[in-house]
């Protein structure tokens, strides 16, 4: 941060300290948000994979029964 014209060195140092503190808070907050988003993404990915596997196994188990019912219905 450059010292603006007419600002005393003490005032400039004060604003520089505030600037550093704000950047630290922002960076910490951003890092926490990234970690939280990554955790949520991982949970969604794992959850989706488990749901997909359960859904597909359910389809495979019931597929033969549904086909038999459809075929029996068509022959009537």
PDB file of N, CA and C in Angstrom:
ATOM      1  N   UNK A   1       0.854  -1.180   0.000  1.00  0.00           N
ATOM      2  CA  UNK A   1       0.000   0.000   0.000  1.00  0.00           C
ATOM      3  C   UNK A   1       0.891   1.232   0.000  1.00  0.00           C
ATOM      4  N   UNK A   2       0.661   2.102  -0.953  1.00  0.00           N
ATOM      5  CA  UNK A   2       1.419   3.356  -1.020  1.00  0.00           C
ATOM      6  C   UNK A   2       0.777   4.392  -0.104  1.00  0.00           C
ATOM      7  N   UNK A   3       1.603   5.228   0.455  1.00  0.00           N
ATOM      8  CA  UNK A   3       1.087   6.290   1.328  1.00  0.00           C
ATOM      9  C   UNK A   3       0.488   7.378   0.444  1.00  0.00           C
ATOM     10  N   UNK A   4      -0.828   7.642   0.578  1.00  0.00           N
ATOM     11  CA  UNK A   4      -1.439   8.709  -0.218  1.00  0.00           C
ATOM     12  C   UNK A   4      -0.874  10.075   0.159  1.00  0.00           C
ATOM     13  N   UNK A   5      -0.934  10.995  -0.778  1.00  0.00           N
ATOM     14  CA  UNK A   5      -0.442  12.357  -0.550  1.00  0.00           C
ATOM     15  C   UNK A   5      -1.225  13.002   0.586  1.00  0.00           C
ATOM     16  N   UNK A   6      -0.516  13.615   1.501  1.00  0.00           N
ATOM     17  CA  UNK A   6      -1.142  14.316   2.613  1.00  0.00           C
ATOM     18  C   UNK A   6      -1.424  13.433   3.817  1.00  0.00           C
ATOM     19  N   UNK A   7      -1.134  12.139   3.739  1.00  0.00           N
ATOM     20  CA  UNK A   7      -1.377  11.253   4.880  1.00  0.00           C
ATOM     21  C   UNK A   7      -0.094  11.125   5.681  1.00  0.00           C
ATOM     22  N   UNK A   8      -0.229  11.207   6.983  1.00  0.00           N
ATOM     23  CA  UNK A   8       0.954  11.071   7.832  1.00  0.00           C
ATOM     24  C   UNK A   8       1.415   9.614   7.836  1.00  0.00           C
ATOM     25  N   UNK A   9       2.688   9.372   8.114  1.00  0.00           N
ATOM     26  CA  UNK A   9       3.186   7.989   8.178  1.00  0.00           C
ATOM     27  C   UNK A   9       2.455   7.147   9.218  1.00  0.00           C
ATOM     28  N   UNK A  10       2.053   7.770  10.341  1.00  0.00           N
ATOM     29  CA  UNK A  10       1.332   7.027  11.376  1.00  0.00           C
ATOM     30  C   UNK A  10      -0.044   6.572  10.867  1.00  0.00           C
ATOM     31  N   UNK A  11      -0.737   7.479  10.172  1.00  0.00           N
ATOM     32  CA  UNK A  11      -2.052   7.127   9.622  1.00  0.00           C
ATOM     33  C   UNK A  11      -1.901   6.056   8.549  1.00  0.00           C
ATOM     34  N   UNK A  12      -0.865   6.199   7.724  1.00  0.00           N
ATOM     35  CA  UNK A  12      -0.617   5.201   6.684  1.00  0.00           C
ATOM     36  C   UNK A  12      -0.339   3.833   7.305  1.00  0.00           C
ATOM     37  N   UNK A  13       0.429   3.804   8.374  1.00  0.00           N
ATOM     38  CA  UNK A  13       0.725   2.542   9.057  1.00  0.00           C
ATOM     39  C   UNK A  13      -0.553   1.934   9.631  1.00  0.00           C
ATOM     40  N   UNK A  14      -1.417   2.793  10.175  1.00  0.00           N
ATOM     41  CA  UNK A  14      -2.691   2.328  10.725  1.00  0.00           C
ATOM     42  C   UNK A  14      -3.518   1.639   9.638  1.00  0.00           C
ATOM     43  N   UNK A  15      -3.652   2.282   8.484  1.00  0.00           N
ATOM     44  CA  UNK A  15      -4.431   1.700   7.391  1.00  0.00           C
ATOM     45  C   UNK A  15      -3.746   0.466   6.804  1.00  0.00           C
ATOM     46  N   UNK A  16      -2.431   0.458   6.794  1.00  0.00           N
ATOM     47  CA  UNK A  16      -1.702  -0.715   6.312  1.00  0.00           C
ATOM     48  C   UNK A  16      -1.977  -1.908   7.224  1.00  0.00           C
ATOM     49  N   UNK A  17      -1.983  -1.668   8.549  1.00  0.00           N
ATOM     50  CA  UNK A  17      -2.297  -2.741   9.504  1.00  0.00           C
ATOM     51  C   UNK A  17      -3.718  -3.266   9.310  1.00  0.00           C
ATOM     52  N   UNK A  18      -4.654  -2.350   9.094  1.00  0.00           N
ATOM     53  CA  UNK A  18      -6.041  -2.756   8.841  1.00  0.00           C
ATOM     54  C   UNK A  18      -6.113  -3.584   7.558  1.00  0.00           C
ATOM     55  N   UNK A  19      -5.397  -3.143   6.532  1.00  0.00           N
ATOM     56  CA  UNK A  19      -5.378  -3.857   5.257  1.00  0.00           C
ATOM     57  C   UNK A  19      -4.859  -5.286   5.444  1.00  0.00           C
ATOM     58  N   UNK A  20      -3.782  -5.430   6.193  1.00  0.00           N
ATOM     59  CA  UNK A  20      -3.205  -6.760   6.439  1.00  0.00           C
ATOM     60  C   UNK A  20      -4.191  -7.630   7.216  1.00  0.00           C
ATOM     61  N   UNK A  21      -4.827  -7.060   8.232  1.00  0.00           N
ATOM     62  CA  UNK A  21      -5.788  -7.820   9.032  1.00  0.00           C
ATOM     63  C   UNK A  21      -6.979  -8.267   8.185  1.00  0.00           C
ATOM     64  N   UNK A  22      -7.485  -7.370   7.347  1.00  0.00           N
ATOM     65  CA  UNK A  22      -8.617  -7.721   6.490  1.00  0.00           C
ATOM     66  C   UNK A  22      -8.243  -8.823   5.502  1.00  0.00           C
ATOM     67  N   UNK A  23      -7.050  -8.734   4.944  1.00  0.00           N
ATOM     68  CA  UNK A  23      -6.604  -9.779   4.013  1.00  0.00           C
ATOM     69  C   UNK A  23      -6.483 -11.125   4.726  1.00  0.00           C
ATOM     70  N   UNK A  24      -5.984 -11.118   5.955  1.00  0.00           N
ATOM     71  CA  UNK A  24      -5.866 -12.361   6.721  1.00  0.00           C
ATOM     72  C   UNK A  24      -7.238 -12.966   7.007  1.00  0.00           C
ATOM     73  N   UNK A  25      -8.179 -12.127   7.412  1.00  0.00           N
ATOM     74  CA  UNK A  25      -9.536 -12.605   7.683  1.00  0.00           C
ATOM     75  C   UNK A  25     -10.156 -13.159   6.408  1.00  0.00           C
ATOM     76  N   UNK A  26      -9.995 -12.438   5.310  1.00  0.00           N
ATOM     77  CA  UNK A  26     -10.558 -12.896   4.040  1.00  0.00           C
ATOM     78  C   UNK A  26      -9.948 -14.233   3.629  1.00  0.00           C
ATOM     79  N   UNK A  27      -8.635 -14.344   3.715  1.00  0.00           N
ATOM     80  CA  UNK A  27      -7.967 -15.582   3.310  1.00  0.00           C
ATOM     81  C   UNK A  27      -8.389 -16.759   4.187  1.00  0.00           C
ATOM     82  N   UNK A  28      -8.512 -16.536   5.497  1.00  0.00           N
ATOM     83  CA  UNK A  28      -8.951 -17.608   6.395  1.00  0.00           C
ATOM     84  C   UNK A  28     -10.383 -18.017   6.083  1.00  0.00           C
ATOM     85  N   UNK A  29     -11.240 -17.030   5.852  1.00  0.00           N
ATOM     86  CA  UNK A  29     -12.632 -17.315   5.537  1.00  0.00           C
ATOM     87  C   UNK A  29     -12.737 -18.065   4.218  1.00  0.00           C
ATOM     88  N   UNK A  30     -11.975 -17.624   3.230  1.00  0.00           N
ATOM     89  CA  UNK A  30     -11.992 -18.262   1.911  1.00  0.00           C
ATOM     90  C   UNK A  30     -11.501 -19.703   2.019  1.00  0.00           C
ATOM     91  N   UNK A  31     -10.452 -19.915   2.802  1.00  0.00           N
ATOM     92  CA  UNK A  31      -9.912 -21.267   2.981  1.00  0.00           C
ATOM     93  C   UNK A  31     -10.942 -22.167   3.660  1.00  0.00           C
ATOM     94  N   UNK A  32     -11.636 -21.646   4.669  1.00  0.00           N
ATOM     95  CA  UNK A  32     -12.663 -22.434   5.355  1.00  0.00           C
ATOM     96  C   UNK A  32     -13.805 -22.770   4.402  1.00  0.00           C
ATOM     97  N   UNK A  33     -14.193 -21.805   3.565  1.00  0.00           N
ATOM     98  CA  UNK A  33     -15.267 -22.056   2.606  1.00  0.00           C
ATOM     99  C   UNK A  33     -14.853 -23.109   1.593  1.00  0.00           C
ATOM    100  N   UNK A  34     -13.600 -23.044   1.145  1.00  0.00           N
ATOM    101  CA  UNK A  34     -13.118 -24.047   0.200  1.00  0.00           C
ATOM    102  C   UNK A  34     -13.113 -25.435   0.830  1.00  0.00           C
ATOM    103  N   UNK A  35     -12.647 -25.513   2.071  1.00  0.00           N
ATOM    104  CA  UNK A  35     -12.621 -26.816   2.750  1.00  0.00           C
ATOM    105  C   UNK A  35     -14.035 -27.355   2.940  1.00  0.00           C
ATOM    106  N   UNK A  36     -14.957 -26.483   3.333  1.00  0.00           N
ATOM    107  CA  UNK A  36     -16.349 -26.910   3.523  1.00  0.00           C
ATOM    108  C   UNK A  36     -16.948 -27.369   2.202  1.00  0.00           C
ATOM    109  N   UNK A  37     -16.698 -26.618   1.137  1.00  0.00           N
ATOM    110  CA  UNK A  37     -17.228 -26.993  -0.177  1.00  0.00           C
ATOM    111  C   UNK A  37     -16.632 -28.318  -0.639  1.00  0.00           C
ATOM    112  N   UNK A  38     -15.355 -28.508  -0.398  1.00  0.00           N
ATOM    113  CA  UNK A  38     -14.711 -29.765  -0.786  1.00  0.00           C
ATOM    114  C   UNK A  38     -15.314 -30.931  -0.009  1.00  0.00           C
ATOM    115  N   UNK A  39     -15.544 -30.728   1.285  1.00  0.00           N
ATOM    116  CA  UNK A  39     -16.162 -31.773   2.096  1.00  0.00           C
ATOM    117  C   UNK A  39     -17.564 -32.108   1.622  1.00  0.00           C
ATOM    118  N   UNK A  40     -18.343 -31.077   1.284  1.00  0.00           N
ATOM    119  CA  UNK A  40     -19.700 -31.307   0.789  1.00  0.00           C
ATOM    120  C   UNK A  40     -19.668 -32.020  -0.555  1.00  0.00           C
ATOM    121  N   UNK A  41     -18.755 -31.614  -1.422  1.00  0.00           N
ATOM    122  CA  UNK A  41     -18.637 -32.251  -2.728  1.00  0.00           C
ATOM    123  C   UNK A  41     -18.291 -33.724  -2.554  1.00  0.00           C
ATOM    124  N   UNK A  42     -17.373 -34.019  -1.634  1.00  0.00           N
ATOM    125  CA  UNK A  42     -16.974 -35.405  -1.403  1.00  0.00           C
ATOM    126  C   UNK A  42     -18.153 -36.211  -0.859  1.00  0.00           C
ATOM    127  N   UNK A  43     -18.905 -35.630   0.066  1.00  0.00           N
ATOM    128  CA  UNK A  43     -20.065 -36.329   0.625  1.00  0.00           C
ATOM    129  C   UNK A  43     -21.115 -36.573  -0.448  1.00  0.00           C
ATOM    130  N   UNK A  44     -21.362 -35.577  -1.296  1.00  0.00           N
ATOM    131  CA  UNK A  44     -22.339 -35.742  -2.370  1.00  0.00           C
ATOM    132  C   UNK A  44     -21.881 -36.809  -3.351  1.00  0.00           C
ATOM    133  N   UNK A  45     -20.604 -36.806  -3.662  1.00  0.00           N
ATOM    134  CA  UNK A  45     -20.068 -37.784  -4.608  1.00  0.00           C
ATOM    135  C   UNK A  45     -20.214 -39.192  -4.049  1.00  0.00           C
ATOM    136  N   UNK A  46     -19.827 -39.378  -2.795  1.00  0.00           N
ATOM    137  CA  UNK A  46     -19.937 -40.692  -2.162  1.00  0.00           C
ATOM    138  C   UNK A  46     -21.406 -41.073  -2.029  1.00  0.00           C
ATOM    139  N   UNK A  47     -22.232 -40.130  -1.602  1.00  0.00           N
ATOM    140  CA  UNK A  47     -23.663 -40.404  -1.456  1.00  0.00           C
ATOM    141  C   UNK A  47     -24.309 -40.752  -2.776  1.00  0.00           C
ATOM    142  N   UNK A  48     -23.956 -40.035  -3.825  1.00  0.00           N
ATOM    143  CA  UNK A  48     -24.515 -40.309  -5.150  1.00  0.00           C
ATOM    144  C   UNK A  48     -24.073 -41.678  -5.632  1.00  0.00           C
ATOM    145  N   UNK A  49     -22.805 -42.014  -5.401  1.00  0.00           N
ATOM    146  CA  UNK A  49     -22.305 -43.321  -5.817  1.00  0.00           C
ATOM    147  C   UNK A  49     -23.035 -44.443  -5.108  1.00  0.00           C
ATOM    148  N   UNK A  50     -23.285 -44.275  -3.820  1.00  0.00           N
ATOM    149  CA  UNK A  50     -23.999 -45.303  -3.057  1.00  0.00           C
ATOM    150  C   UNK A  50     -25.447 -45.402  -3.527  1.00  0.00           C
ATOM    151  N   UNK A  51     -26.075 -44.254  -3.763  1.00  0.00           N
ATOM    152  CA  UNK A  51     -27.460 -44.258  -4.237  1.00  0.00           C
ATOM    153  C   UNK A  51     -27.545 -44.864  -5.630  1.00  0.00           C
ATOM    154  N   UNK A  52     -26.593 -44.539  -6.477  1.00  0.00           N
ATOM    155  CA  UNK A  52     -26.569 -45.084  -7.835  1.00  0.00           C
ATOM    156  C   UNK A  52     -26.422 -46.598  -7.792  1.00  0.00           C
ATOM    157  N   UNK A  53     -25.515 -47.090  -6.956  1.00  0.00           N
ATOM    158  CA  UNK A  53     -25.301 -48.532  -6.842  1.00  0.00           C
ATOM    159  C   UNK A  53     -26.554 -49.214  -6.299  1.00  0.00           C
ATOM    160  N   UNK A  54     -27.172 -48.622  -5.288  1.00  0.00           N
ATOM    161  CA  UNK A  54     -28.381 -49.211  -4.709  1.00  0.00           C
ATOM    162  C   UNK A  54     -29.514 -49.202  -5.729  1.00  0.00           C
ATOM    163  N   UNK A  55     -29.646 -48.113  -6.468  1.00  0.00           N
ATOM    164  CA  UNK A  55     -30.699 -47.994  -7.463  1.00  0.00           C
ATOM    165  C   UNK A  55     -30.495 -49.004  -8.585  1.00  0.00           C
ATOM    166  N   UNK A  56     -29.269 -49.154  -9.035  1.00  0.00           N
ATOM    167  CA  UNK A  56     -29.004 -50.096 -10.113  1.00  0.00           C
ATOM    168  C   UNK A  56     -29.181 -51.530  -9.657  1.00  0.00           C
ATOM    169  N   UNK A  57     -28.740 -51.863  -8.448  1.00  0.00           N
ATOM    170  CA  UNK A  57     -28.908 -53.238  -7.975  1.00  0.00           C
ATOM    171  C   UNK A  57     -30.394 -53.540  -7.825  1.00  0.00           C
ATOM    172  N   UNK A  58     -31.164 -52.544  -7.415  1.00  0.00           N
ATOM    173  CA  UNK A  58     -32.613 -52.714  -7.294  1.00  0.00           C
ATOM    174  C   UNK A  58     -33.222 -52.987  -8.660  1.00  0.00           C
ATOM    175  N   UNK A  59     -32.779 -52.267  -9.682  1.00  0.00           N
ATOM    176  CA  UNK A  59     -33.298 -52.477 -11.034  1.00  0.00           C
ATOM    177  C   UNK A  59     -32.955 -53.868 -11.537  1.00  0.00           C
ATOM    178  N   UNK A  60     -31.722 -54.293 -11.300  1.00  0.00           N
ATOM    179  CA  UNK A  60     -31.316 -55.603 -11.796  1.00  0.00           C
ATOM    180  C   UNK A  60     -32.088 -56.715 -11.096  1.00  0.00           C
ATOM    181  N   UNK A  61     -32.345 -56.549  -9.812  1.00  0.00           N
ATOM    182  CA  UNK A  61     -33.067 -57.581  -9.070  1.00  0.00           C
ATOM    183  C   UNK A  61     -34.495 -57.687  -9.584  1.00  0.00           C
ATOM    184  N   UNK A  62     -35.126 -56.546  -9.851  1.00  0.00           N
ATOM    185  CA  UNK A  62     -36.536 -56.554 -10.231  1.00  0.00           C
ATOM    186  C   UNK A  62     -36.754 -56.617 -11.736  1.00  0.00           C
ATOM    187  N   UNK A  63     -35.707 -56.542 -12.507  1.00  0.00           N
ATOM    188  CA  UNK A  63     -35.876 -56.491 -13.953  1.00  0.00           C
ATOM    189  C   UNK A  63     -36.551 -57.744 -14.486  1.00  0.00           C
ATOM    190  N   UNK A  64     -36.128 -58.906 -14.029  1.00  0.00           N
ATOM    191  CA  UNK A  64     -36.700 -60.144 -14.547  1.00  0.00           C
ATOM    192  C   UNK A  64     -38.176 -60.242 -14.178  1.00  0.00           C
ATOM    193  N   UNK A  65     -38.514 -59.835 -12.982  1.00  0.00           N
ATOM    194  CA  UNK A  65     -39.911 -59.876 -12.565  1.00  0.00           C
ATOM    195  C   UNK A  65     -40.772 -58.935 -13.376  1.00  0.00           C
ATOM    196  N   UNK A  66     -40.283 -57.754 -13.638  1.00  0.00           N
ATOM    197  CA  UNK A  66     -41.040 -56.788 -14.430  1.00  0.00           C
ATOM    198  C   UNK A  66     -41.214 -57.292 -15.855  1.00  0.00           C
ATOM    199  N   UNK A  67     -40.144 -57.868 -16.395  1.00  0.00           N
ATOM    200  CA  UNK A  67     -40.235 -58.391 -17.760  1.00  0.00           C
ATOM    201  C   UNK A  67     -41.251 -59.505 -17.847  1.00  0.00           C
ATOM    202  N   UNK A  68     -41.262 -60.373 -16.868  1.00  0.00           N
ATOM    203  CA  UNK A  68     -42.216 -61.476 -16.861  1.00  0.00           C
ATOM    204  C   UNK A  68     -43.638 -60.947 -16.751  1.00  0.00           C
ATOM    205  N   UNK A  69     -43.826 -59.930 -15.926  1.00  0.00           N
ATOM    206  CA  UNK A  69     -45.163 -59.352 -15.791  1.00  0.00           C
ATOM    207  C   UNK A  69     -45.602 -58.699 -17.092  1.00  0.00           C
ATOM    208  N   UNK A  70     -44.695 -57.963 -17.739  1.00  0.00           N
ATOM    209  CA  UNK A  70     -45.028 -57.318 -19.009  1.00  0.00           C
ATOM    210  C   UNK A  70     -45.370 -58.364 -20.065  1.00  0.00           C
ATOM    211  N   UNK A  71     -44.545 -59.398 -20.147  1.00  0.00           N
ATOM    212  CA  UNK A  71     -44.780 -60.422 -21.155  1.00  0.00           C
ATOM    213  C   UNK A  71     -46.079 -61.170 -20.889  1.00  0.00           C
ATOM    214  N   UNK A  72     -46.359 -61.461 -19.641  1.00  0.00           N
ATOM    215  CA  UNK A  72     -47.597 -62.155 -19.296  1.00  0.00           C
ATOM    216  C   UNK A  72     -48.791 -61.280 -19.650  1.00  0.00           C
ATOM    217  N   UNK A  73     -48.663 -59.981 -19.419  1.00  0.00           N
ATOM    218  CA  UNK A  73     -49.755 -59.063 -19.722  1.00  0.00           C
ATOM    219  C   UNK A  73     -49.982 -58.980 -21.229  1.00  0.00           C
ATOM    220  N   UNK A  74     -48.937 -59.010 -22.014  1.00  0.00           N
ATOM    221  CA  UNK A  74     -49.060 -58.910 -23.473  1.00  0.00           C
ATOM    222  C   UNK A  74     -49.733 -60.149 -24.066  1.00  0.00           C
ATOM    223  N   UNK A  75     -49.522 -61.283 -23.455  1.00  0.00           N
ATOM    224  CA  UNK A  75     -50.076 -62.512 -24.013  1.00  0.00           C
ATOM    225  C   UNK A  75     -51.561 -62.666 -23.724  1.00  0.00           C
ATOM    226  N   UNK A  76     -52.081 -61.888 -22.795  1.00  0.00           N
ATOM    227  CA  UNK A  76     -53.501 -62.049 -22.441  1.00  0.00           C
ATOM    228  C   UNK A  76     -54.376 -61.461 -23.474  1.00  0.00           C
TER     229      UNK A  76
END
